[in-house]
Amino acid sequence: MPIWLHTVIWVLAIYIVVSILLYYLQEFFLFKPEKLPAEFQFAYKNQQVEEYNIETRDGAVINGLHFKTANPKGVVLYLKGNSKSMKGWGKFAVDFTRHDYDVIMVDYRGFGKSTGRRTQKAIKHDLQYIYNKMRERVSEEYIILYGRSLGSGFATKLASTNNPKMLILDAPYYSLTHVTKRYMPFMPLSLILRFPMPTYKWIKYVNCPIHIIHGTNDQLIPFKSSVKLSKINPKLTRLWPVIEGGHKNLNNFEDYHRMLSEIVNFKITPVDLETTSHRVIHSAKKT
């Protein structure tokens, strides 16, 4: 056997083995869950919070928190990122309760106290079930969907099949396939990734106002991913760049909180284009 053919066979064999390993071990790379004991007590300063558990049809238990305000204007379903648990993420509920919005937050399967086999389909079903429970108690016109990083894809999917008041995406990805391809450009990710999370496909079916917040210095999910997403459903989308913001520190920027304040109090104002410069065309002559 020629040396070159022997080398090709070995390279191909290694490629196949690595692909198989990535298929079965990808959850260890994509998710960084923190487990919590059943007796763990959630407590947050100056926040009124109630813990609940929802059992799914396949026997999983989804653990969640309800942050309450005295006179809520509505409710935010807060879908968190891919690390740790609500133990730490719950601290961010204040960014909405301060505007008199209740906040519902959940731990995905395998995070915190939540149980069950984690798949993209299962998580989507869990979140739709929770959304259904919410709209039994409050009209959709008072429900805001907020997705942070990993949660941005799930929030977009929910918004595409329901009619919430608005969708807020914080550091969203075009798709998880695109994100992981940056680190493994030669792997067949479109075939082996079990969590492709195609946000770009779902966002085109969203019919409510879409607000995208993204740091311009995000090294994990580049700002350009939000620019691309904003062009898919442009009439309903507004992009809010946080200058110099990274992936995990947007809450440390005053601009971020100013943006959230404007967004949650957002009102669509119709524009009469006939009274604007909309039809004015700049001269092509050089000056």
Protein backbone atom coordinates (compact mmCIF):
# COMPACT_ATOMS: atom_id res chain seq x y z
CA MET A 1 0.00 0.00 0.00
CA PRO A 2 1.42 3.42 -0.96
CA ILE A 3 2.47 5.62 1.98
CA TRP A 4 0.14 8.42 0.87
CA LEU A 5 -2.86 6.08 0.85
CA HIS A 6 -1.92 4.70 4.26
CA THR A 7 -1.72 8.27 5.58
CA VAL A 8 -5.10 9.21 4.09
CA ILE A 9 -6.75 6.17 5.69
CA TRP A 10 -5.32 7.02 9.10
CA VAL A 11 -6.37 10.68 8.82
CA LEU A 12 -9.87 9.64 7.75
CA ALA A 13 -10.11 7.15 10.61
CA ILE A 14 -9.06 9.79 13.16
CA TYR A 15 -11.53 12.26 11.64
CA ILE A 16 -14.39 9.77 11.99
CA VAL A 17 -13.45 8.87 15.58
CA VAL A 18 -13.26 12.54 16.59
CA SER A 19 -16.63 13.19 14.93
CA ILE A 20 -18.22 10.32 16.86
CA LEU A 21 -16.71 11.54 20.13
CA LEU A 22 -17.99 15.06 19.48
CA TYR A 23 -21.46 13.72 18.79
CA TYR A 24 -21.68 11.92 22.12
CA LEU A 25 -19.64 14.30 24.27
CA GLN A 26 -20.79 17.66 22.92
CA GLU A 27 -22.96 18.39 25.98
CA PHE A 28 -19.79 18.60 28.08
CA PHE A 29 -18.58 21.41 25.83
CA LEU A 30 -21.89 23.23 25.32
CA PHE A 31 -23.33 23.13 28.85
CA LYS A 32 -21.74 24.02 32.18
CA PRO A 33 -24.51 23.16 34.67
CA GLU A 34 -24.37 23.62 38.42
CA LYS A 35 -26.29 21.01 40.42
CA LEU A 36 -28.18 22.06 43.55
CA PRO A 37 -29.43 19.81 46.36
CA ALA A 38 -33.20 19.52 46.73
CA GLU A 39 -33.06 21.26 50.11
CA PHE A 40 -31.25 24.34 48.78
CA GLN A 41 -33.07 27.57 49.67
CA PHE A 42 -33.06 30.46 47.18
CA ALA A 43 -32.76 33.92 48.74
CA TYR A 44 -32.17 37.30 47.12
CA LYS A 45 -31.80 40.67 48.78
CA ASN A 46 -34.86 42.92 48.53
CA GLN A 47 -36.63 40.43 46.27
CA GLN A 48 -39.87 38.57 46.93
CA VAL A 49 -39.46 35.16 45.32
CA GLU A 50 -41.47 31.94 45.21
CA GLU A 51 -40.03 28.59 44.14
CA TYR A 52 -42.04 26.08 42.11
CA ASN A 53 -41.62 22.73 40.37
CA ILE A 54 -43.33 21.60 37.17
CA GLU A 55 -43.43 17.94 36.16
CA THR A 56 -43.33 17.23 32.43
CA ARG A 57 -45.03 14.44 30.54
CA ASP A 58 -41.82 12.42 30.33
CA GLY A 59 -41.31 12.57 34.09
CA ALA A 60 -38.73 15.38 34.26
CA VAL A 61 -39.01 18.10 36.89
CA ILE A 62 -38.36 21.72 35.92
CA ASN A 63 -37.44 23.95 38.84
CA GLY A 64 -38.28 27.63 38.60
CA LEU A 65 -38.51 30.90 40.47
CA HIS A 66 -41.17 33.60 40.40
CA PHE A 67 -39.87 37.04 41.36
CA LYS A 68 -42.88 39.14 42.39
CA THR A 69 -43.63 42.86 42.38
CA ALA A 70 -46.44 44.69 44.16
CA ASN A 71 -48.22 46.02 41.06
CA PRO A 72 -46.81 44.21 38.02
CA LYS A 73 -47.11 45.76 34.57
CA GLY A 74 -46.47 42.34 33.10
CA VAL A 75 -44.17 39.35 33.38
CA VAL A 76 -40.77 38.50 31.90
CA LEU A 77 -39.87 34.90 31.06
CA TYR A 78 -36.10 35.05 31.59
CA LEU A 79 -34.18 32.32 29.74
CA LYS A 80 -30.63 32.25 31.05
CA GLY A 81 -27.26 31.25 29.60
CA ASN A 82 -25.54 27.86 29.48
CA SER A 83 -23.68 27.94 32.80
CA LYS A 84 -24.38 27.35 36.48
CA SER A 85 -27.91 27.65 37.87
CA MET A 86 -30.58 30.10 39.03
CA LYS A 87 -28.62 30.40 42.28
CA GLY A 88 -26.48 33.03 40.55
CA TRP A 89 -28.70 34.03 37.64
CA GLY A 90 -31.53 35.06 39.96
CA LYS A 91 -29.60 38.20 40.86
CA PHE A 92 -30.38 39.60 37.41
CA ALA A 93 -34.16 39.53 37.97
CA VAL A 94 -33.83 42.94 39.65
CA ASP A 95 -33.19 44.48 36.22
CA PHE A 96 -36.87 43.88 35.45
CA THR A 97 -38.56 43.94 38.87
CA ARG A 98 -37.23 47.49 39.28
CA HIS A 99 -39.48 48.37 36.34
CA ASP A 100 -42.45 46.62 38.02
CA TYR A 101 -42.32 43.44 35.95
CA ASP A 102 -42.62 40.03 37.55
CA VAL A 103 -39.92 37.59 36.43
CA ILE A 104 -40.23 33.87 35.78
CA MET A 105 -36.87 32.10 35.62
CA VAL A 106 -36.19 28.39 35.15
CA ASP A 107 -33.27 26.01 35.20
CA TYR A 108 -33.00 23.84 32.10
CA ARG A 109 -32.87 20.05 32.46
CA GLY A 110 -29.77 19.00 34.38
CA PHE A 111 -29.22 22.49 35.83
CA GLY A 112 -29.84 23.35 39.48
CA LYS A 113 -32.67 21.21 40.80
CA SER A 114 -34.16 20.44 37.38
CA THR A 115 -34.02 16.85 36.17
CA GLY A 116 -34.52 14.92 32.94
CA ARG A 117 -32.60 14.01 29.80
CA ARG A 118 -31.45 17.15 28.04
CA THR A 119 -32.24 17.49 24.33
CA GLN A 120 -33.06 20.50 22.18
CA LYS A 121 -36.57 19.16 21.55
CA ALA A 122 -37.21 18.42 25.23
CA ILE A 123 -36.13 21.89 26.37
CA LYS A 124 -38.32 23.53 23.71
CA HIS A 125 -41.30 21.49 24.91
CA ASP A 126 -40.55 22.35 28.56
CA LEU A 127 -40.46 26.08 27.83
CA GLN A 128 -43.63 25.99 25.74
CA TYR A 129 -45.37 24.18 28.59
CA ILE A 130 -44.23 26.88 31.02
CA TYR A 131 -45.33 29.59 28.59
CA ASN A 132 -48.76 27.95 28.35
CA LYS A 133 -49.02 27.98 32.14
CA MET A 134 -48.13 31.68 32.16
CA ARG A 135 -50.76 32.68 29.62
CA GLU A 136 -53.42 30.85 31.62
CA ARG A 137 -52.88 33.59 34.21
CA VAL A 138 -51.91 36.61 32.12
CA SER A 139 -52.65 37.78 28.59
CA GLU A 140 -49.80 37.43 26.09
CA GLU A 141 -49.79 41.19 25.54
CA TYR A 142 -48.18 41.44 29.01
CA ILE A 143 -45.54 38.72 28.48
CA ILE A 144 -41.97 39.66 27.57
CA LEU A 145 -39.54 36.98 26.41
CA TYR A 146 -35.91 37.61 27.36
CA GLY A 147 -33.15 35.30 26.16
CA ARG A 148 -29.56 35.62 27.28
CA SER A 149 -26.83 33.89 25.20
CA LEU A 150 -27.93 30.21 25.06
CA GLY A 151 -31.43 31.28 26.09
CA SER A 152 -31.69 33.65 23.12
CA GLY A 153 -32.35 30.77 20.73
CA PHE A 154 -35.04 29.25 22.94
CA ALA A 155 -36.65 32.67 23.46
CA THR A 156 -36.73 33.25 19.70
CA LYS A 157 -38.31 29.86 19.10
CA LEU A 158 -41.02 30.63 21.68
CA ALA A 159 -41.68 34.04 20.15
CA SER A 160 -41.98 32.49 16.67
CA THR A 161 -44.85 30.23 17.71
CA ASN A 162 -46.61 32.55 20.18
CA ASN A 163 -47.60 36.21 20.43
CA PRO A 164 -45.75 37.87 23.33
CA LYS A 165 -45.52 41.61 23.88
CA MET A 166 -41.89 41.66 22.76
CA LEU A 167 -38.73 39.63 22.39
CA ILE A 168 -35.44 40.79 23.94
CA LEU A 169 -32.26 39.00 22.89
CA ASP A 170 -29.08 39.56 24.89
CA ALA A 171 -25.86 38.47 23.11
CA PRO A 172 -27.68 36.11 20.72
CA TYR A 173 -26.03 33.71 18.29
CA TYR A 174 -26.93 33.30 14.62
CA SER A 175 -26.96 29.57 15.39
CA LEU A 176 -24.93 27.35 17.69
CA THR A 177 -23.59 25.65 14.60
CA HIS A 178 -22.07 28.98 13.50
CA VAL A 179 -20.59 29.61 16.96
CA THR A 180 -18.94 26.20 17.28
CA LYS A 181 -17.70 26.31 13.68
CA ARG A 182 -15.34 29.12 14.72
CA TYR A 183 -13.48 26.67 16.94
CA MET A 184 -13.85 23.51 14.84
CA PRO A 185 -14.01 24.72 11.22
CA PHE A 186 -13.15 21.35 9.68
CA MET A 187 -15.70 19.22 11.54
CA PRO A 188 -19.11 18.29 10.00
CA LEU A 189 -21.01 20.21 12.66
CA SER A 190 -24.21 20.48 10.63
CA LEU A 191 -24.41 16.67 10.83
CA ILE A 192 -23.19 15.93 14.36
CA LEU A 193 -24.43 18.91 16.41
CA ARG A 194 -27.48 17.85 18.42
CA PHE A 195 -28.15 21.43 19.55
CA PRO A 196 -27.93 23.45 16.29
CA MET A 197 -30.28 26.14 17.66
CA PRO A 198 -30.95 27.95 14.35
CA THR A 199 -32.01 31.34 15.70
CA TYR A 200 -31.78 32.79 12.19
CA LYS A 201 -34.53 30.42 10.99
CA TRP A 202 -36.89 31.10 13.88
CA ILE A 203 -36.55 34.89 14.02
CA LYS A 204 -38.14 35.35 10.59
CA TYR A 205 -41.45 34.07 12.02
CA VAL A 206 -41.52 36.43 15.02
CA ASN A 207 -44.36 38.96 14.80
CA CYS A 208 -43.68 41.10 17.87
CA PRO A 209 -41.09 43.88 18.41
CA ILE A 210 -37.57 42.41 18.58
CA HIS A 211 -34.82 44.12 20.58
CA ILE A 212 -31.26 42.83 20.25
CA ILE A 213 -28.63 43.92 22.79
CA HIS A 214 -25.02 42.99 22.11
CA GLY A 215 -21.58 44.11 23.25
CA THR A 216 -19.31 45.29 20.44
CA ASN A 217 -16.31 43.57 22.10
CA ASP A 218 -17.97 40.16 22.62
CA GLN A 219 -15.24 37.57 22.00
CA LEU A 220 -17.47 34.49 22.40
CA ILE A 221 -20.42 35.44 20.19
CA PRO A 222 -19.29 38.24 17.86
CA PHE A 223 -21.35 41.40 17.53
CA LYS A 224 -21.68 40.72 13.81
CA SER A 225 -23.98 37.78 14.60
CA SER A 226 -26.54 40.24 15.95
CA VAL A 227 -26.05 42.50 12.93
CA LYS A 228 -26.89 39.53 10.70
CA LEU A 229 -29.91 38.60 12.81
CA SER A 230 -31.21 42.17 12.75
CA LYS A 231 -31.39 42.06 8.95
CA ILE A 232 -33.65 39.00 8.81
CA ASN A 233 -36.77 40.66 10.24
CA PRO A 234 -35.75 44.34 9.97
CA LYS A 235 -39.18 45.98 10.23
CA LEU A 236 -39.66 44.57 13.72
CA THR A 237 -36.04 44.60 14.91
CA ARG A 238 -33.95 47.20 16.68
CA LEU A 239 -30.27 46.62 17.43
CA TRP A 240 -28.83 48.10 20.63
CA PRO A 241 -24.99 48.01 20.67
CA VAL A 242 -23.21 48.30 24.00
CA ILE A 243 -19.93 49.94 23.04
CA GLU A 244 -16.93 47.93 24.36
CA GLY A 245 -19.25 45.47 26.07
CA GLY A 246 -18.11 41.84 26.30
CA HIS A 247 -20.11 38.63 26.60
CA LYS A 248 -20.48 38.41 30.38
CA ASN A 249 -20.23 42.01 31.57
CA LEU A 250 -23.07 43.94 29.90
CA ASN A 251 -24.75 44.41 33.27
CA ASN A 252 -21.70 46.42 34.36
CA PHE A 253 -22.44 49.08 31.72
CA GLU A 254 -24.78 51.96 32.52
CA ASP A 255 -25.82 52.01 28.86
CA TYR A 256 -27.15 48.46 29.17
CA HIS A 257 -29.53 49.44 31.97
CA ARG A 258 -30.56 52.59 30.14
CA MET A 259 -31.36 50.46 27.11
CA LEU A 260 -33.42 47.99 29.14
CA SER A 261 -35.35 50.88 30.67
CA GLU A 262 -36.19 52.23 27.22
CA ILE A 263 -37.06 48.79 25.88
CA VAL A 264 -39.47 47.65 28.61
CA ASN A 265 -41.24 51.00 28.44
CA PHE A 266 -41.16 50.87 24.64
CA LYS A 267 -44.14 52.12 22.65
CA ILE A 268 -44.41 51.85 18.89
CA THR A 269 -44.79 55.30 17.40
CA PRO A 270 -46.06 55.35 13.80
CA VAL A 271 -44.11 57.54 11.40
CA ASP A 272 -45.75 59.51 8.59
CA LEU A 273 -43.02 59.21 5.96
CA GLU A 274 -44.65 61.91 3.86
CA THR A 275 -43.59 64.46 6.49
CA THR A 276 -39.96 63.28 6.52
CA SER A 277 -36.96 63.30 4.18
CA HIS A 278 -37.71 59.70 3.22
CA ARG A 279 -37.98 60.45 -0.50
CA VAL A 280 -35.11 62.90 -0.68
CA ILE A 281 -32.26 61.62 -2.86
CA HIS A 282 -28.74 62.99 -2.45
CA SER A 283 -27.15 64.43 -5.55
CA ALA A 284 -24.69 62.09 -7.26
CA LYS A 285 -22.51 65.05 -8.26
CA LYS A 286 -19.17 65.39 -6.54
CA THR A 287 -18.77 68.43 -4.30
